[in-house]
Amino acid sequence: MSEEKLYAVKNNEGKYFDCEYAEFLSLSDAHGPTIVSEDNAKDIARDYGGHVVMLVEEPEKVVVSPEEAKLVKNCLWTNLQDAFLNNINLLFRGRRPEDVTRLKSALTNGYTVAKEKKYLLPMDGTLEENDDNDNFQLYAYCHKGRWLTDECETDPSYMHFTVTQKELETAPAWVKAIKPVEVTDDEQ
């Protein structure tokens, strides 16, 4: 985050002082509403009215896991933010100090949930090449807790048989024997 600050002068009607036209305008109509010097902003507020506002850069949101997001969200919904900040060390006993710090930051600065990695499970030796250039591959996938196989075109735009790490962890041995291929958002 930058150390530089920007200021604006706002009046009671919610309009901002435009330095180019020397009048108060709506923010969407103002050409030069920001001022680099706090002293200059105070001078304008004294001479034209209004009050100085500092424009603050929004802090970067913290990336958290889906499980961590549930905890932070519950604390925000139940107005337990202060209790959460005071007791987070108890809630996360055994966690690394940097994780505790990161979760405190997520609560105060906002958070985004990390996208869960997805994988394809192409089964070796099952590629079928056709004369009309349609190639098919057999894939393993999980549907409602059951592990199945099906063929799919090898063109990435047709690959709908992705699985998550959590599904892989509970998969049977024959699935775990398949080498997973990570899929990016572009390929899904």
C-alpha atoms as a PDB file:
ATOM      1  CA  MET A   1       0.000   0.000   0.000  1.00  0.00           C
ATOM      2  CA  SER A   2       1.290   3.431  -0.913  1.00  0.00           C
ATOM      3  CA  GLU A   3       2.245   5.937   1.775  1.00  0.00           C
ATOM      4  CA  GLU A   4       0.952   8.841  -0.323  1.00  0.00           C
ATOM      5  CA  LYS A   5      -2.432  10.236   0.639  1.00  0.00           C
ATOM      6  CA  LEU A   6      -5.024  12.132  -1.346  1.00  0.00           C
ATOM      7  CA  TYR A   7      -7.499  14.631   0.017  1.00  0.00           C
ATOM      8  CA  ALA A   8     -10.746  16.158  -1.164  1.00  0.00           C
ATOM      9  CA  VAL A   9     -13.032  18.863   0.153  1.00  0.00           C
ATOM     10  CA  LYS A  10     -16.658  17.849   0.561  1.00  0.00           C
ATOM     11  CA  ASN A  11     -19.592  20.073   1.451  1.00  0.00           C
ATOM     12  CA  ASN A  12     -22.764  19.255   3.406  1.00  0.00           C
ATOM     13  CA  GLU A  13     -24.655  18.523   0.167  1.00  0.00           C
ATOM     14  CA  GLY A  14     -22.269  15.683  -0.640  1.00  0.00           C
ATOM     15  CA  LYS A  15     -20.543  17.561  -3.464  1.00  0.00           C
ATOM     16  CA  TYR A  16     -16.783  17.804  -3.897  1.00  0.00           C
ATOM     17  CA  PHE A  17     -14.698  20.874  -4.595  1.00  0.00           C
ATOM     18  CA  ASP A  18     -13.381  20.832  -8.153  1.00  0.00           C
ATOM     19  CA  CYS A  19      -9.952  22.481  -8.218  1.00  0.00           C
ATOM     20  CA  GLU A  20     -10.202  23.102 -11.963  1.00  0.00           C
ATOM     21  CA  TYR A  21     -13.493  25.064 -11.818  1.00  0.00           C
ATOM     22  CA  ALA A  22     -13.238  26.304  -8.199  1.00  0.00           C
ATOM     23  CA  GLU A  23     -16.761  25.142  -7.345  1.00  0.00           C
ATOM     24  CA  PHE A  24     -18.518  22.218  -5.690  1.00  0.00           C
ATOM     25  CA  LEU A  25     -19.744  19.548  -8.101  1.00  0.00           C
ATOM     26  CA  SER A  26     -20.990  15.986  -7.873  1.00  0.00           C
ATOM     27  CA  LEU A  27     -18.103  13.556  -7.863  1.00  0.00           C
ATOM     28  CA  SER A  28     -19.038  12.246 -11.312  1.00  0.00           C
ATOM     29  CA  ASP A  29     -18.923  15.799 -12.754  1.00  0.00           C
ATOM     30  CA  ALA A  30     -15.722  16.947 -11.012  1.00  0.00           C
ATOM     31  CA  HIS A  31     -12.578  17.090 -13.150  1.00  0.00           C
ATOM     32  CA  GLY A  32     -10.042  17.654 -10.388  1.00  0.00           C
ATOM     33  CA  PRO A  33     -11.511  16.742  -6.995  1.00  0.00           C
ATOM     34  CA  THR A  34      -8.327  15.414  -5.369  1.00  0.00           C
ATOM     35  CA  ILE A  35      -5.568  17.350  -3.658  1.00  0.00           C
ATOM     36  CA  VAL A  36      -2.156  15.967  -2.704  1.00  0.00           C
ATOM     37  CA  SER A  37      -1.483  18.427   0.133  1.00  0.00           C
ATOM     38  CA  GLU A  38      -3.547  18.286   3.312  1.00  0.00           C
ATOM     39  CA  ASP A  39      -2.650  21.925   4.025  1.00  0.00           C
ATOM     40  CA  ASN A  40      -4.006  23.007   0.619  1.00  0.00           C
ATOM     41  CA  ALA A  41      -7.198  21.046   1.255  1.00  0.00           C
ATOM     42  CA  LYS A  42      -7.618  22.779   4.633  1.00  0.00           C
ATOM     43  CA  ASP A  43      -7.116  26.175   2.975  1.00  0.00           C
ATOM     44  CA  ILE A  44      -9.805  25.394   0.377  1.00  0.00           C
ATOM     45  CA  ALA A  45     -12.211  24.210   3.092  1.00  0.00           C
ATOM     46  CA  ARG A  46     -11.573  27.431   5.051  1.00  0.00           C
ATOM     47  CA  ASP A  47     -12.056  29.662   1.982  1.00  0.00           C
ATOM     48  CA  TYR A  48     -14.956  27.856   0.241  1.00  0.00           C
ATOM     49  CA  GLY A  49     -16.586  25.865   3.040  1.00  0.00           C
ATOM     50  CA  GLY A  50     -16.908  22.156   3.459  1.00  0.00           C
ATOM     51  CA  HIS A  51     -14.595  19.774   5.246  1.00  0.00           C
ATOM     52  CA  VAL A  52     -11.470  17.840   4.343  1.00  0.00           C
ATOM     53  CA  VAL A  53     -11.794  14.134   3.652  1.00  0.00           C
ATOM     54  CA  MET A  54      -8.850  11.802   3.231  1.00  0.00           C
ATOM     55  CA  LEU A  55      -9.105   9.208   0.506  1.00  0.00           C
ATOM     56  CA  VAL A  56      -7.901   5.897   1.880  1.00  0.00           C
ATOM     57  CA  GLU A  57      -6.646   3.094  -0.309  1.00  0.00           C
ATOM     58  CA  GLU A  58      -8.657  -0.054   0.325  1.00  0.00           C
ATOM     59  CA  PRO A  59      -6.497  -2.715   1.964  1.00  0.00           C
ATOM     60  CA  GLU A  60      -5.829  -5.876   0.024  1.00  0.00           C
ATOM     61  CA  LYS A  61      -8.252  -8.655   0.892  1.00  0.00           C
ATOM     62  CA  VAL A  62      -6.857 -11.760   2.537  1.00  0.00           C
ATOM     63  CA  VAL A  63      -7.137 -15.121   0.778  1.00  0.00           C
ATOM     64  CA  VAL A  64      -8.635 -17.768   3.070  1.00  0.00           C
ATOM     65  CA  SER A  65      -9.710 -21.372   2.673  1.00  0.00           C
ATOM     66  CA  PRO A  66     -13.435 -22.194   2.469  1.00  0.00           C
ATOM     67  CA  GLU A  67     -13.330 -23.491   6.067  1.00  0.00           C
ATOM     68  CA  GLU A  68     -11.633 -20.321   7.329  1.00  0.00           C
ATOM     69  CA  ALA A  69     -14.173 -18.209   5.423  1.00  0.00           C
ATOM     70  CA  LYS A  70     -17.020 -19.905   7.312  1.00  0.00           C
ATOM     71  CA  LEU A  71     -15.433 -19.038  10.640  1.00  0.00           C
ATOM     72  CA  VAL A  72     -14.767 -15.405   9.704  1.00  0.00           C
ATOM     73  CA  LYS A  73     -18.258 -15.039   8.192  1.00  0.00           C
ATOM     74  CA  ASN A  74     -19.897 -16.440  11.340  1.00  0.00           C
ATOM     75  CA  CYS A  75     -17.998 -13.954  13.473  1.00  0.00           C
ATOM     76  CA  LEU A  76     -19.115 -11.061  11.265  1.00  0.00           C
ATOM     77  CA  TRP A  77     -22.755 -12.186  11.198  1.00  0.00           C
ATOM     78  CA  THR A  78     -22.985 -12.612  14.938  1.00  0.00           C
ATOM     79  CA  ASN A  79     -21.209  -9.339  15.739  1.00  0.00           C
ATOM     80  CA  LEU A  80     -18.522 -11.266  17.548  1.00  0.00           C
ATOM     81  CA  GLN A  81     -15.711  -9.392  15.871  1.00  0.00           C
ATOM     82  CA  ASP A  82     -14.260  -8.003  19.101  1.00  0.00           C
ATOM     83  CA  ALA A  83     -14.593 -11.342  20.864  1.00  0.00           C
ATOM     84  CA  PHE A  84     -13.070 -13.041  17.832  1.00  0.00           C
ATOM     85  CA  LEU A  85     -10.074 -10.721  17.823  1.00  0.00           C
ATOM     86  CA  ASN A  86      -9.602 -11.135  21.571  1.00  0.00           C
ATOM     87  CA  ASN A  87     -10.017 -14.913  21.581  1.00  0.00           C
ATOM     88  CA  ILE A  88      -8.601 -15.927  18.209  1.00  0.00           C
ATOM     89  CA  ASN A  89      -5.520 -17.392  19.839  1.00  0.00           C
ATOM     90  CA  LEU A  90      -7.766 -19.768  21.815  1.00  0.00           C
ATOM     91  CA  LEU A  91      -9.847 -20.626  18.754  1.00  0.00           C
ATOM     92  CA  PHE A  92      -6.762 -21.476  16.737  1.00  0.00           C
ATOM     93  CA  ARG A  93      -4.731 -23.281  19.335  1.00  0.00           C
ATOM     94  CA  GLY A  94      -1.973 -25.211  17.620  1.00  0.00           C
ATOM     95  CA  ARG A  95      -2.051 -23.079  14.458  1.00  0.00           C
ATOM     96  CA  ARG A  96       0.949 -21.195  13.202  1.00  0.00           C
ATOM     97  CA  PRO A  97       1.205 -17.573  14.415  1.00  0.00           C
ATOM     98  CA  GLU A  98       1.196 -16.310  10.811  1.00  0.00           C
ATOM     99  CA  ASP A  99      -2.174 -18.047  10.236  1.00  0.00           C
ATOM    100  CA  VAL A 100      -3.639 -16.350  13.293  1.00  0.00           C
ATOM    101  CA  THR A 101      -2.361 -12.978  12.057  1.00  0.00           C
ATOM    102  CA  ARG A 102      -3.763 -13.643   8.582  1.00  0.00           C
ATOM    103  CA  LEU A 103      -7.226 -14.496   9.959  1.00  0.00           C
ATOM    104  CA  LYS A 104      -7.266 -11.379  12.117  1.00  0.00           C
ATOM    105  CA  SER A 105      -6.457  -9.386   8.999  1.00  0.00           C
ATOM    106  CA  ALA A 106      -9.229 -11.189   7.082  1.00  0.00           C
ATOM    107  CA  LEU A 107     -11.738 -10.133   9.698  1.00  0.00           C
ATOM    108  CA  THR A 108     -10.696  -6.490   9.737  1.00  0.00           C
ATOM    109  CA  ASN A 109      -9.718  -5.933   6.067  1.00  0.00           C
ATOM    110  CA  GLY A 110     -12.029  -8.344   4.264  1.00  0.00           C
ATOM    111  CA  TYR A 111     -11.322 -11.654   2.580  1.00  0.00           C
ATOM    112  CA  THR A 112     -11.731 -13.674  -0.566  1.00  0.00           C
ATOM    113  CA  VAL A 113     -12.152 -17.417  -0.643  1.00  0.00           C
ATOM    114  CA  ALA A 114      -9.390 -19.317  -2.402  1.00  0.00           C
ATOM    115  CA  LYS A 115     -10.618 -21.213  -5.397  1.00  0.00           C
ATOM    116  CA  GLU A 116     -10.513 -24.908  -4.826  1.00  0.00           C
ATOM    117  CA  LYS A 117      -8.126 -26.696  -7.141  1.00  0.00           C
ATOM    118  CA  LYS A 118      -9.758 -29.061  -9.579  1.00  0.00           C
ATOM    119  CA  TYR A 119      -8.281 -32.075 -11.293  1.00  0.00           C
ATOM    120  CA  LEU A 120      -8.976 -34.384 -14.176  1.00  0.00           C
ATOM    121  CA  LEU A 121      -8.272 -38.095 -13.813  1.00  0.00           C
ATOM    122  CA  PRO A 122      -7.421 -39.434 -17.291  1.00  0.00           C
ATOM    123  CA  MET A 123      -7.109 -43.202 -17.233  1.00  0.00           C
ATOM    124  CA  ASP A 124      -3.917 -44.457 -18.905  1.00  0.00           C
ATOM    125  CA  GLY A 125      -4.345 -46.669 -21.926  1.00  0.00           C
ATOM    126  CA  THR A 126      -7.922 -45.574 -22.659  1.00  0.00           C
ATOM    127  CA  LEU A 127      -7.338 -42.975 -25.382  1.00  0.00           C
ATOM    128  CA  GLU A 128      -9.380 -43.862 -28.452  1.00  0.00           C
ATOM    129  CA  GLU A 129      -8.432 -42.116 -31.680  1.00  0.00           C
ATOM    130  CA  ASN A 130     -11.047 -42.004 -34.429  1.00  0.00           C
ATOM    131  CA  ASP A 131     -10.580 -41.352 -38.128  1.00  0.00           C
ATOM    132  CA  ASP A 132     -12.807 -38.250 -38.055  1.00  0.00           C
ATOM    133  CA  ASN A 133     -10.365 -36.496 -35.659  1.00  0.00           C
ATOM    134  CA  ASP A 134     -12.589 -36.981 -32.605  1.00  0.00           C
ATOM    135  CA  ASN A 135     -10.376 -38.395 -29.881  1.00  0.00           C
ATOM    136  CA  PHE A 136     -11.924 -39.774 -26.700  1.00  0.00           C
ATOM    137  CA  GLN A 137     -10.335 -40.439 -23.320  1.00  0.00           C
ATOM    138  CA  LEU A 138     -11.772 -42.355 -20.367  1.00  0.00           C
ATOM    139  CA  TYR A 139     -11.877 -40.294 -17.144  1.00  0.00           C
ATOM    140  CA  ALA A 140     -12.682 -41.174 -13.545  1.00  0.00           C
ATOM    141  CA  TYR A 141     -14.955 -38.778 -11.675  1.00  0.00           C
ATOM    142  CA  CYS A 142     -17.105 -38.584  -8.570  1.00  0.00           C
ATOM    143  CA  HIS A 143     -20.882 -38.188  -8.824  1.00  0.00           C
ATOM    144  CA  LYS A 144     -22.900 -37.978  -5.601  1.00  0.00           C
ATOM    145  CA  GLY A 145     -20.185 -39.818  -3.707  1.00  0.00           C
ATOM    146  CA  ARG A 146     -19.851 -42.643  -6.239  1.00  0.00           C
ATOM    147  CA  TRP A 147     -16.776 -43.067  -8.411  1.00  0.00           C
ATOM    148  CA  LEU A 148     -17.530 -43.648 -12.090  1.00  0.00           C
ATOM    149  CA  THR A 149     -15.767 -43.600 -15.437  1.00  0.00           C
ATOM    150  CA  ASP A 150     -16.910 -42.115 -18.712  1.00  0.00           C
ATOM    151  CA  GLU A 151     -15.372 -41.126 -22.000  1.00  0.00           C
ATOM    152  CA  CYS A 152     -15.025 -37.538 -23.043  1.00  0.00           C
ATOM    153  CA  GLU A 153     -13.549 -35.703 -25.989  1.00  0.00           C
ATOM    154  CA  THR A 154      -9.946 -34.756 -25.321  1.00  0.00           C
ATOM    155  CA  ASP A 155     -10.643 -31.135 -26.305  1.00  0.00           C
ATOM    156  CA  PRO A 156     -10.366 -29.240 -22.956  1.00  0.00           C
ATOM    157  CA  SER A 157     -13.621 -27.364 -23.576  1.00  0.00           C
ATOM    158  CA  TYR A 158     -15.502 -30.670 -23.187  1.00  0.00           C
ATOM    159  CA  MET A 159     -13.830 -31.797 -19.954  1.00  0.00           C
ATOM    160  CA  HIS A 160     -16.544 -31.683 -17.318  1.00  0.00           C
ATOM    161  CA  PHE A 161     -15.251 -34.505 -15.148  1.00  0.00           C
ATOM    162  CA  THR A 162     -13.248 -32.469 -12.640  1.00  0.00           C
ATOM    163  CA  VAL A 163     -12.752 -33.571  -9.053  1.00  0.00           C
ATOM    164  CA  THR A 164     -11.560 -31.723  -5.959  1.00  0.00           C
ATOM    165  CA  GLN A 165      -8.690 -32.493  -3.603  1.00  0.00           C
ATOM    166  CA  LYS A 166     -11.214 -33.369  -0.906  1.00  0.00           C
ATOM    167  CA  GLU A 167     -12.833 -35.952  -3.199  1.00  0.00           C
ATOM    168  CA  LEU A 168      -9.408 -37.389  -4.041  1.00  0.00           C
ATOM    169  CA  GLU A 169      -8.560 -37.789  -0.358  1.00  0.00           C
ATOM    170  CA  THR A 170     -11.577 -40.039   0.197  1.00  0.00           C
ATOM    171  CA  ALA A 171     -11.336 -41.869  -3.133  1.00  0.00           C
ATOM    172  CA  PRO A 172     -10.864 -45.649  -3.412  1.00  0.00           C
ATOM    173  CA  ALA A 173      -7.414 -47.064  -4.176  1.00  0.00           C
ATOM    174  CA  TRP A 174      -8.069 -47.528  -7.921  1.00  0.00           C
ATOM    175  CA  VAL A 175      -8.797 -43.786  -8.220  1.00  0.00           C
ATOM    176  CA  LYS A 176      -5.782 -42.786  -6.128  1.00  0.00           C
ATOM    177  CA  ALA A 177      -3.611 -44.781  -8.551  1.00  0.00           C
ATOM    178  CA  ILE A 178      -4.537 -42.357 -11.376  1.00  0.00           C
ATOM    179  CA  LYS A 179      -2.205 -39.395 -11.795  1.00  0.00           C
ATOM    180  CA  PRO A 180      -4.352 -36.235 -11.384  1.00  0.00           C
ATOM    181  CA  VAL A 181      -3.950 -33.385 -13.871  1.00  0.00           C
ATOM    182  CA  GLU A 182      -4.662 -29.924 -12.428  1.00  0.00           C
ATOM    183  CA  VAL A 183      -7.175 -27.892 -14.422  1.00  0.00           C
ATOM    184  CA  THR A 184      -6.938 -24.109 -14.604  1.00  0.00           C
ATOM    185  CA  ASP A 185      -9.974 -21.816 -14.863  1.00  0.00           C
ATOM    186  CA  ASP A 186      -9.187 -21.311 -18.559  1.00  0.00           C
ATOM    187  CA  GLU A 187      -9.622 -25.026 -19.222  1.00  0.00           C
ATOM    188  CA  GLN A 188     -12.861 -25.501 -17.259  1.00  0.00           C
END
